[in-house]
Amino acid sequence: MIARIFPSVPQSITVFVFWLLMAEDASPGTLVLAAFLAWLMPQIAARLEREFARIGEARILLPLGAKLLWDVVVANITVARQVLGPEDRLKPGFIWIPLELTNIHGISALTSVITLTPGTLTAELSADRSHLLVHCLHVEDPEQMIREIKQRYEAPLRRVFP
C-alpha cells in the first residue's frame, strides 16, 4: 500500500529535504508544499521510461569528485576575473559536444558536472542523445573546450556508467 502512495520513499525524502533546504523556511505552508512535492515527484517519475543505472568502476568517482572540486574553485576565480574585466573581452558561445556516453545516467551526471562548473551551462541534449549543447561564458577555441570536457569528465564517466 505504501509503495502505491510513495513509489520511491528515498526519492520522496530527498525531495522533501531539498525543498526545505532551498526554501530556507520551515513554516507550515512550506512543509505542506514540501510534502506535496515529495508525493508528486515520485508519482511522475514512476511513469517515466526507466533506464536502470549500471555502475562500472565506482572507484573513479572519488578522483573525479576531487577534480571537479578543483575545477569549480579555478573556474570561480576565472569567471570572477572575466566578469569584473572588460565586457568586450568575453566571447560567449554555444558548442555542441559529441557524446560517447550512451547511458542516460552518465549523460545526466555529465550535464550536472558541466553545469556545476562556473562559466558553463548545459542547454540541451539532442533527441538521439548523441550531442550535448553547452553554453560557455568565454570560448576562444571550441575544439579545445570540447576536448577538455570529453577528457576531464566524459571519459571517467564512461567508465563509471558503461
N, C-alpha and C. Protein backbone atom coordinates (compact mmCIF):
# COMPACT_ATOMS: atom_id res chain seq x y z
N MET A 1 0.82 -1.20 0.00
CA MET A 1 0.00 0.00 0.00
C MET A 1 0.86 1.26 0.00
N ILE A 2 1.91 1.26 0.82
CA ILE A 2 2.78 2.45 0.90
C ILE A 2 3.50 2.69 -0.42
N ALA A 3 3.83 1.60 -1.14
CA ALA A 3 4.52 1.73 -2.43
C ALA A 3 3.62 2.39 -3.47
N ARG A 4 2.33 2.25 -3.32
CA ARG A 4 1.41 2.89 -4.26
C ARG A 4 1.32 4.39 -4.00
N ILE A 5 1.35 4.78 -2.74
CA ILE A 5 1.28 6.20 -2.38
C ILE A 5 2.64 6.86 -2.60
N PHE A 6 3.70 6.17 -2.18
CA PHE A 6 5.07 6.67 -2.35
C PHE A 6 5.87 5.63 -3.12
N PRO A 7 5.91 5.73 -4.46
CA PRO A 7 6.62 4.72 -5.25
C PRO A 7 8.11 4.61 -4.90
N SER A 8 8.69 5.70 -4.43
CA SER A 8 10.10 5.68 -4.04
C SER A 8 10.27 6.51 -2.77
N VAL A 9 10.30 5.84 -1.64
CA VAL A 9 10.44 6.53 -0.36
C VAL A 9 11.75 7.34 -0.31
N PRO A 10 12.89 6.79 -0.76
CA PRO A 10 14.11 7.60 -0.75
C PRO A 10 13.97 8.88 -1.60
N GLN A 11 13.31 8.77 -2.75
CA GLN A 11 13.13 9.95 -3.59
C GLN A 11 12.20 10.95 -2.89
N SER A 12 11.17 10.47 -2.24
CA SER A 12 10.26 11.36 -1.52
C SER A 12 10.99 12.09 -0.40
N ILE A 13 11.79 11.38 0.34
CA ILE A 13 12.56 12.00 1.43
C ILE A 13 13.52 13.04 0.86
N THR A 14 14.18 12.69 -0.23
CA THR A 14 15.14 13.61 -0.86
C THR A 14 14.44 14.88 -1.33
N VAL A 15 13.31 14.74 -2.00
CA VAL A 15 12.57 15.90 -2.49
C VAL A 15 12.13 16.76 -1.30
N PHE A 16 11.61 16.14 -0.26
CA PHE A 16 11.15 16.86 0.92
C PHE A 16 12.29 17.66 1.55
N VAL A 17 13.41 17.01 1.79
CA VAL A 17 14.55 17.67 2.44
C VAL A 17 15.12 18.79 1.55
N PHE A 18 15.29 18.51 0.26
CA PHE A 18 15.85 19.53 -0.62
C PHE A 18 14.91 20.73 -0.77
N TRP A 19 13.61 20.50 -0.76
CA TRP A 19 12.69 21.63 -0.84
C TRP A 19 12.83 22.51 0.39
N LEU A 20 12.93 21.89 1.56
CA LEU A 20 13.11 22.67 2.79
C LEU A 20 14.43 23.43 2.78
N LEU A 21 15.48 22.78 2.27
CA LEU A 21 16.78 23.46 2.21
C LEU A 21 16.74 24.64 1.23
N MET A 22 16.08 24.45 0.10
CA MET A 22 16.01 25.54 -0.88
C MET A 22 15.12 26.68 -0.37
N ALA A 23 14.06 26.35 0.32
CA ALA A 23 13.13 27.38 0.81
C ALA A 23 13.72 28.13 2.00
N GLU A 24 14.64 27.50 2.71
CA GLU A 24 15.24 28.07 3.92
C GLU A 24 14.17 28.54 4.90
N ASP A 25 13.12 27.74 5.03
CA ASP A 25 11.98 28.12 5.85
C ASP A 25 11.28 26.83 6.27
N ALA A 26 10.76 26.82 7.48
CA ALA A 26 10.03 25.64 7.95
C ALA A 26 8.63 26.03 8.39
N SER A 27 8.05 27.00 7.70
CA SER A 27 6.68 27.43 8.03
C SER A 27 5.71 26.32 7.64
N PRO A 28 4.51 26.35 8.18
CA PRO A 28 3.52 25.31 7.83
C PRO A 28 3.27 25.22 6.33
N GLY A 29 3.18 26.35 5.64
CA GLY A 29 2.95 26.34 4.19
C GLY A 29 4.09 25.66 3.45
N THR A 30 5.32 25.93 3.85
CA THR A 30 6.49 25.32 3.22
C THR A 30 6.50 23.82 3.46
N LEU A 31 6.16 23.40 4.67
CA LEU A 31 6.11 21.97 5.00
C LEU A 31 5.03 21.25 4.19
N VAL A 32 3.88 21.90 4.02
CA VAL A 32 2.80 21.30 3.23
C VAL A 32 3.22 21.17 1.77
N LEU A 33 3.84 22.24 1.23
CA LEU A 33 4.29 22.18 -0.16
C LEU A 33 5.39 21.13 -0.32
N ALA A 34 6.30 21.04 0.63
CA ALA A 34 7.36 20.02 0.56
C ALA A 34 6.76 18.62 0.59
N ALA A 35 5.77 18.41 1.43
CA ALA A 35 5.12 17.09 1.50
C ALA A 35 4.38 16.78 0.19
N PHE A 36 3.72 17.79 -0.37
CA PHE A 36 3.01 17.59 -1.64
C PHE A 36 4.00 17.22 -2.75
N LEU A 37 5.11 17.95 -2.83
CA LEU A 37 6.12 17.66 -3.86
C LEU A 37 6.77 16.30 -3.61
N ALA A 38 6.96 15.93 -2.34
CA ALA A 38 7.54 14.63 -2.00
C ALA A 38 6.62 13.50 -2.44
N TRP A 39 5.33 13.76 -2.49
CA TRP A 39 4.39 12.78 -3.01
C TRP A 39 4.32 12.84 -4.53
N LEU A 40 4.26 14.05 -5.11
CA LEU A 40 4.05 14.23 -6.54
C LEU A 40 5.23 13.79 -7.40
N MET A 41 6.43 14.20 -7.05
CA MET A 41 7.59 13.93 -7.90
C MET A 41 7.84 12.44 -8.13
N PRO A 42 7.79 11.59 -7.10
CA PRO A 42 7.94 10.16 -7.37
C PRO A 42 6.79 9.58 -8.20
N GLN A 43 5.59 10.16 -8.07
CA GLN A 43 4.47 9.71 -8.90
C GLN A 43 4.76 9.96 -10.38
N ILE A 44 5.28 11.14 -10.67
CA ILE A 44 5.64 11.48 -12.05
C ILE A 44 6.80 10.61 -12.52
N ALA A 45 7.81 10.50 -11.69
CA ALA A 45 9.00 9.72 -12.06
C ALA A 45 8.66 8.26 -12.31
N ALA A 46 7.70 7.73 -11.58
CA ALA A 46 7.32 6.31 -11.73
C ALA A 46 6.71 6.05 -13.10
N ARG A 47 6.16 7.08 -13.72
CA ARG A 47 5.52 6.91 -15.02
C ARG A 47 6.47 7.12 -16.19
N LEU A 48 7.65 7.61 -15.90
CA LEU A 48 8.63 7.86 -16.96
C LEU A 48 9.28 6.56 -17.41
N GLU A 49 9.80 6.60 -18.62
CA GLU A 49 10.54 5.45 -19.14
C GLU A 49 11.79 5.27 -18.29
N ARG A 50 12.01 4.08 -17.87
CA ARG A 50 13.14 3.83 -16.97
C ARG A 50 14.31 3.21 -17.71
N GLU A 51 15.46 3.68 -17.36
CA GLU A 51 16.70 3.08 -17.83
C GLU A 51 17.54 2.92 -16.57
N PHE A 52 17.73 1.70 -16.16
CA PHE A 52 18.39 1.47 -14.89
C PHE A 52 19.90 1.71 -15.02
N ALA A 53 20.45 2.24 -13.96
CA ALA A 53 21.88 2.54 -13.94
C ALA A 53 22.68 1.26 -13.73
N ARG A 54 23.67 1.10 -14.56
CA ARG A 54 24.66 0.04 -14.35
C ARG A 54 25.93 0.76 -13.96
N ILE A 55 26.46 0.41 -12.83
CA ILE A 55 27.67 1.05 -12.35
C ILE A 55 28.85 0.16 -12.68
N GLY A 56 29.85 0.75 -13.32
CA GLY A 56 31.06 0.03 -13.67
C GLY A 56 32.10 0.23 -12.58
N GLU A 57 33.04 1.12 -12.84
CA GLU A 57 34.15 1.36 -11.92
C GLU A 57 33.81 2.54 -11.01
N ALA A 58 33.12 2.25 -9.91
CA ALA A 58 32.68 3.30 -8.99
C ALA A 58 33.85 4.00 -8.29
N ARG A 59 34.99 3.33 -8.19
CA ARG A 59 36.14 3.93 -7.51
C ARG A 59 36.64 5.17 -8.23
N ILE A 60 36.26 5.36 -9.47
CA ILE A 60 36.67 6.53 -10.25
C ILE A 60 35.95 7.79 -9.76
N LEU A 61 34.83 7.62 -9.06
CA LEU A 61 34.07 8.78 -8.62
C LEU A 61 34.83 9.66 -7.63
N LEU A 62 35.66 9.07 -6.79
CA LEU A 62 36.42 9.87 -5.82
C LEU A 62 37.42 10.80 -6.51
N PRO A 63 38.29 10.30 -7.39
CA PRO A 63 39.20 11.23 -8.08
C PRO A 63 38.45 12.21 -8.99
N LEU A 64 37.34 11.76 -9.58
CA LEU A 64 36.55 12.66 -10.42
C LEU A 64 35.95 13.78 -9.56
N GLY A 65 35.47 13.44 -8.38
CA GLY A 65 34.94 14.46 -7.46
C GLY A 65 36.00 15.45 -7.04
N ALA A 66 37.21 14.96 -6.77
CA ALA A 66 38.32 15.86 -6.39
C ALA A 66 38.67 16.78 -7.56
N LYS A 67 38.71 16.21 -8.77
CA LYS A 67 39.00 17.00 -9.96
C LYS A 67 37.93 18.07 -10.16
N LEU A 68 36.66 17.68 -9.98
CA LEU A 68 35.55 18.62 -10.13
C LEU A 68 35.64 19.74 -9.10
N LEU A 69 35.94 19.39 -7.86
CA LEU A 69 36.07 20.40 -6.81
C LEU A 69 37.17 21.41 -7.17
N TRP A 70 38.29 20.92 -7.63
CA TRP A 70 39.39 21.80 -8.06
C TRP A 70 38.95 22.68 -9.23
N ASP A 71 38.30 22.08 -10.20
CA ASP A 71 37.84 22.83 -11.38
C ASP A 71 36.83 23.91 -11.01
N VAL A 72 35.98 23.63 -10.03
CA VAL A 72 34.99 24.62 -9.59
C VAL A 72 35.71 25.81 -8.95
N VAL A 73 36.70 25.55 -8.12
CA VAL A 73 37.46 26.63 -7.49
C VAL A 73 38.17 27.47 -8.55
N VAL A 74 38.88 26.81 -9.46
CA VAL A 74 39.60 27.53 -10.52
C VAL A 74 38.64 28.30 -11.41
N ALA A 75 37.51 27.67 -11.77
CA ALA A 75 36.53 28.33 -12.64
C ALA A 75 35.90 29.53 -11.96
N ASN A 76 35.68 29.47 -10.65
CA ASN A 76 35.14 30.62 -9.93
C ASN A 76 36.08 31.81 -10.03
N ILE A 77 37.36 31.57 -9.86
CA ILE A 77 38.35 32.64 -9.96
C ILE A 77 38.39 33.18 -11.39
N THR A 78 38.41 32.28 -12.36
CA THR A 78 38.44 32.68 -13.77
C THR A 78 37.21 33.50 -14.14
N VAL A 79 36.04 33.02 -13.76
CA VAL A 79 34.80 33.72 -14.10
C VAL A 79 34.76 35.09 -13.40
N ALA A 80 35.21 35.16 -12.16
CA ALA A 80 35.24 36.45 -11.46
C ALA A 80 36.12 37.44 -12.21
N ARG A 81 37.28 36.99 -12.65
CA ARG A 81 38.17 37.88 -13.43
C ARG A 81 37.50 38.31 -14.74
N GLN A 82 36.85 37.37 -15.40
CA GLN A 82 36.21 37.69 -16.68
C GLN A 82 35.05 38.66 -16.50
N VAL A 83 34.24 38.43 -15.49
CA VAL A 83 33.07 39.28 -15.27
C VAL A 83 33.48 40.67 -14.80
N LEU A 84 34.51 40.75 -13.99
CA LEU A 84 34.96 42.04 -13.49
C LEU A 84 35.84 42.79 -14.49
N GLY A 85 36.29 42.09 -15.52
CA GLY A 85 37.12 42.71 -16.55
C GLY A 85 36.28 43.37 -17.62
N PRO A 86 36.94 43.84 -18.66
CA PRO A 86 36.21 44.48 -19.76
C PRO A 86 35.26 43.49 -20.44
N GLU A 87 34.03 43.93 -20.61
CA GLU A 87 32.99 43.07 -21.18
C GLU A 87 33.29 42.67 -22.61
N ASP A 88 33.95 43.53 -23.35
CA ASP A 88 34.21 43.23 -24.76
C ASP A 88 35.25 42.13 -24.95
N ARG A 89 35.92 41.72 -23.87
CA ARG A 89 36.90 40.63 -23.97
C ARG A 89 36.25 39.26 -23.87
N LEU A 90 35.00 39.22 -23.41
CA LEU A 90 34.29 37.95 -23.31
C LEU A 90 33.83 37.51 -24.69
N LYS A 91 33.92 36.21 -24.92
CA LYS A 91 33.44 35.60 -26.17
C LYS A 91 32.49 34.46 -25.81
N PRO A 92 31.27 34.79 -25.40
CA PRO A 92 30.33 33.72 -25.05
C PRO A 92 29.89 32.97 -26.30
N GLY A 93 29.51 31.74 -26.10
CA GLY A 93 29.04 30.96 -27.25
C GLY A 93 28.53 29.60 -26.84
N PHE A 94 27.86 28.98 -27.80
CA PHE A 94 27.35 27.63 -27.63
C PHE A 94 28.25 26.67 -28.40
N ILE A 95 28.47 25.50 -27.82
CA ILE A 95 29.21 24.45 -28.53
C ILE A 95 28.43 23.14 -28.40
N TRP A 96 28.45 22.37 -29.47
CA TRP A 96 27.85 21.03 -29.46
C TRP A 96 28.96 20.04 -29.15
N ILE A 97 28.76 19.25 -28.12
CA ILE A 97 29.74 18.24 -27.73
C ILE A 97 29.23 16.88 -28.18
N PRO A 98 29.97 16.19 -29.07
CA PRO A 98 29.56 14.84 -29.45
C PRO A 98 29.78 13.89 -28.26
N LEU A 99 28.80 13.09 -27.97
CA LEU A 99 28.87 12.20 -26.80
C LEU A 99 29.22 10.78 -27.18
N GLU A 100 30.06 10.19 -26.37
CA GLU A 100 30.31 8.76 -26.46
C GLU A 100 29.54 8.03 -25.36
N LEU A 101 29.14 8.77 -24.33
CA LEU A 101 28.30 8.21 -23.28
C LEU A 101 26.94 7.87 -23.88
N THR A 102 26.42 6.71 -23.56
CA THR A 102 25.09 6.34 -24.04
C THR A 102 24.12 6.12 -22.89
N ASN A 103 24.63 5.84 -21.72
CA ASN A 103 23.80 5.61 -20.54
C ASN A 103 23.22 6.95 -20.09
N ILE A 104 21.91 7.05 -19.95
CA ILE A 104 21.27 8.31 -19.59
C ILE A 104 21.73 8.81 -18.23
N HIS A 105 22.07 7.90 -17.33
CA HIS A 105 22.55 8.31 -16.02
C HIS A 105 23.94 8.95 -16.13
N GLY A 106 24.76 8.41 -17.00
CA GLY A 106 26.07 9.01 -17.25
C GLY A 106 25.94 10.37 -17.91
N ILE A 107 25.01 10.47 -18.87
CA ILE A 107 24.78 11.76 -19.53
C ILE A 107 24.27 12.77 -18.51
N SER A 108 23.39 12.35 -17.65
CA SER A 108 22.86 13.22 -16.61
C SER A 108 23.97 13.69 -15.67
N ALA A 109 24.86 12.78 -15.31
CA ALA A 109 25.99 13.15 -14.45
C ALA A 109 26.90 14.15 -15.18
N LEU A 110 27.13 13.93 -16.46
CA LEU A 110 27.96 14.84 -17.24
C LEU A 110 27.32 16.22 -17.31
N THR A 111 26.02 16.28 -17.56
CA THR A 111 25.35 17.59 -17.61
C THR A 111 25.43 18.30 -16.26
N SER A 112 25.33 17.55 -15.18
CA SER A 112 25.44 18.15 -13.85
C SER A 112 26.84 18.69 -13.61
N VAL A 113 27.85 17.93 -13.98
CA VAL A 113 29.23 18.35 -13.80
C VAL A 113 29.50 19.63 -14.60
N ILE A 114 29.04 19.65 -15.83
CA ILE A 114 29.25 20.83 -16.68
C ILE A 114 28.56 22.05 -16.08
N THR A 115 27.33 21.87 -15.63
CA THR A 115 26.56 22.99 -15.08
C THR A 115 27.11 23.44 -13.73
N LEU A 116 27.67 22.52 -12.95
CA LEU A 116 28.26 22.89 -11.66
C LEU A 116 29.51 23.75 -11.83
N THR A 117 30.19 23.59 -12.92
CA THR A 117 31.43 24.33 -13.15
C THR A 117 31.08 25.73 -13.63
N PRO A 118 31.42 26.77 -12.87
CA PRO A 118 31.08 28.14 -13.27
C PRO A 118 31.62 28.48 -14.66
N GLY A 119 30.80 29.19 -15.43
CA GLY A 119 31.18 29.59 -16.78
C GLY A 119 30.64 28.68 -17.85
N THR A 120 30.08 27.53 -17.46
CA THR A 120 29.49 26.62 -18.44
C THR A 120 28.11 26.21 -17.95
N LEU A 121 27.23 25.95 -18.92
CA LEU A 121 25.86 25.58 -18.60
C LEU A 121 25.35 24.64 -19.68
N THR A 122 24.83 23.51 -19.28
CA THR A 122 24.24 22.58 -20.23
C THR A 122 22.89 23.13 -20.68
N ALA A 123 22.68 23.21 -22.00
CA ALA A 123 21.45 23.81 -22.52
C ALA A 123 20.51 22.78 -23.13
N GLU A 124 21.05 21.76 -23.79
CA GLU A 124 20.16 20.83 -24.49
C GLU A 124 20.88 19.51 -24.77
N LEU A 125 20.10 18.45 -24.78
CA LEU A 125 20.56 17.13 -25.21
C LEU A 125 19.82 16.81 -26.49
N SER A 126 20.54 16.42 -27.53
CA SER A 126 19.88 16.09 -28.79
C SER A 126 18.93 14.91 -28.60
N ALA A 127 17.92 14.83 -29.44
CA ALA A 127 16.89 13.79 -29.30
C ALA A 127 17.48 12.38 -29.34
N ASP A 128 18.54 12.20 -30.10
CA ASP A 128 19.16 10.87 -30.19
C ASP A 128 20.25 10.66 -29.14
N ARG A 129 20.41 11.61 -28.21
CA ARG A 129 21.39 11.55 -27.12
C ARG A 129 22.84 11.47 -27.60
N SER A 130 23.11 11.98 -28.78
CA SER A 130 24.47 11.89 -29.31
C SER A 130 25.25 13.19 -29.18
N HIS A 131 24.58 14.29 -28.85
CA HIS A 131 25.24 15.58 -28.72
C HIS A 131 24.64 16.36 -27.56
N LEU A 132 25.49 17.13 -26.93
CA LEU A 132 25.09 17.97 -25.81
C LEU A 132 25.43 19.41 -26.15
N LEU A 133 24.46 20.31 -26.02
CA LEU A 133 24.68 21.72 -26.29
C LEU A 133 25.07 22.40 -24.99
N VAL A 134 26.22 23.07 -25.00
CA VAL A 134 26.75 23.71 -23.81
C VAL A 134 26.98 25.18 -24.10
N HIS A 135 26.51 26.04 -23.19
CA HIS A 135 26.81 27.47 -23.31
C HIS A 135 28.03 27.75 -22.44
N CYS A 136 28.99 28.47 -23.03
CA CYS A 136 30.21 28.83 -22.32
C CYS A 136 30.30 30.35 -22.24
N LEU A 137 30.70 30.84 -21.09
CA LEU A 137 30.85 32.28 -20.90
C LEU A 137 31.94 32.85 -21.79
N HIS A 138 32.99 32.04 -22.00
CA HIS A 138 34.11 32.51 -22.81
C HIS A 138 34.68 31.32 -23.60
N VAL A 139 34.62 31.42 -24.92
CA VAL A 139 35.12 30.35 -25.79
C VAL A 139 36.10 30.94 -26.78
N GLU A 140 37.36 30.61 -26.61
CA GLU A 140 38.35 31.05 -27.60
C GLU A 140 38.56 29.97 -28.65
N ASP A 141 38.63 28.72 -28.19
CA ASP A 141 38.85 27.60 -29.09
C ASP A 141 37.81 26.52 -28.79
N PRO A 142 36.72 26.47 -29.56
CA PRO A 142 35.67 25.49 -29.28
C PRO A 142 36.17 24.05 -29.27
N GLU A 143 37.06 23.71 -30.19
CA GLU A 143 37.57 22.33 -30.26
C GLU A 143 38.35 21.97 -28.99
N GLN A 144 39.12 22.92 -28.47
CA GLN A 144 39.87 22.68 -27.23
C GLN A 144 38.90 22.49 -26.07
N MET A 145 37.83 23.28 -26.02
CA MET A 145 36.83 23.17 -24.97
C MET A 145 36.16 21.79 -25.03
N ILE A 146 35.83 21.35 -26.23
CA ILE A 146 35.22 20.02 -26.41
C ILE A 146 36.18 18.94 -25.94
N ARG A 147 37.44 19.02 -26.36
CA ARG A 147 38.43 18.01 -25.94
C ARG A 147 38.58 17.98 -24.42
N GLU A 148 38.61 19.16 -23.81
CA GLU A 148 38.79 19.23 -22.37
C GLU A 148 37.61 18.60 -21.62
N ILE A 149 36.39 18.90 -22.03
CA ILE A 149 35.21 18.32 -21.37
C ILE A 149 35.18 16.81 -21.56
N LYS A 150 35.49 16.36 -22.77
CA LYS A 150 35.48 14.91 -23.04
C LYS A 150 36.55 14.19 -22.23
N GLN A 151 37.73 14.79 -22.15
CA GLN A 151 38.84 14.14 -21.45
C GLN A 151 38.65 14.19 -19.93
N ARG A 152 38.32 15.36 -19.40
CA ARG A 152 38.26 15.54 -17.95
C ARG A 152 37.02 14.89 -17.33
N TYR A 153 35.90 14.93 -18.03
CA TYR A 153 34.65 14.48 -17.42
C TYR A 153 34.00 13.29 -18.11
N GLU A 154 33.87 13.35 -19.43
CA GLU A 154 33.14 12.27 -20.10
C GLU A 154 33.90 10.94 -20.02
N ALA A 155 35.21 10.96 -20.24
CA ALA A 155 35.98 9.71 -20.23
C ALA A 155 35.86 8.97 -18.88
N PRO A 156 36.04 9.66 -17.74
CA PRO A 156 35.85 8.93 -16.47
C PRO A 156 34.41 8.46 -16.26
N LEU A 157 33.44 9.29 -16.68
CA LEU A 157 32.04 8.89 -16.51
C LEU A 157 31.68 7.71 -17.39
N ARG A 158 32.34 7.55 -18.52
CA ARG A 158 32.10 6.37 -19.37
C ARG A 158 32.53 5.10 -18.65
N ARG A 159 33.55 5.22 -17.82
CA ARG A 159 34.00 4.05 -17.05
C ARG A 159 33.07 3.75 -15.88
N VAL A 160 32.46 4.79 -15.33
CA VAL A 160 31.52 4.61 -14.22
C VAL A 160 30.18 4.09 -14.73
N PHE A 161 29.72 4.65 -15.86
CA PHE A 161 28.44 4.27 -16.46
C PHE A 161 28.67 3.63 -17.81
N PRO A 162 29.01 2.31 -17.85
CA PRO A 162 29.33 1.66 -19.12
C PRO A 162 28.12 1.51 -20.03
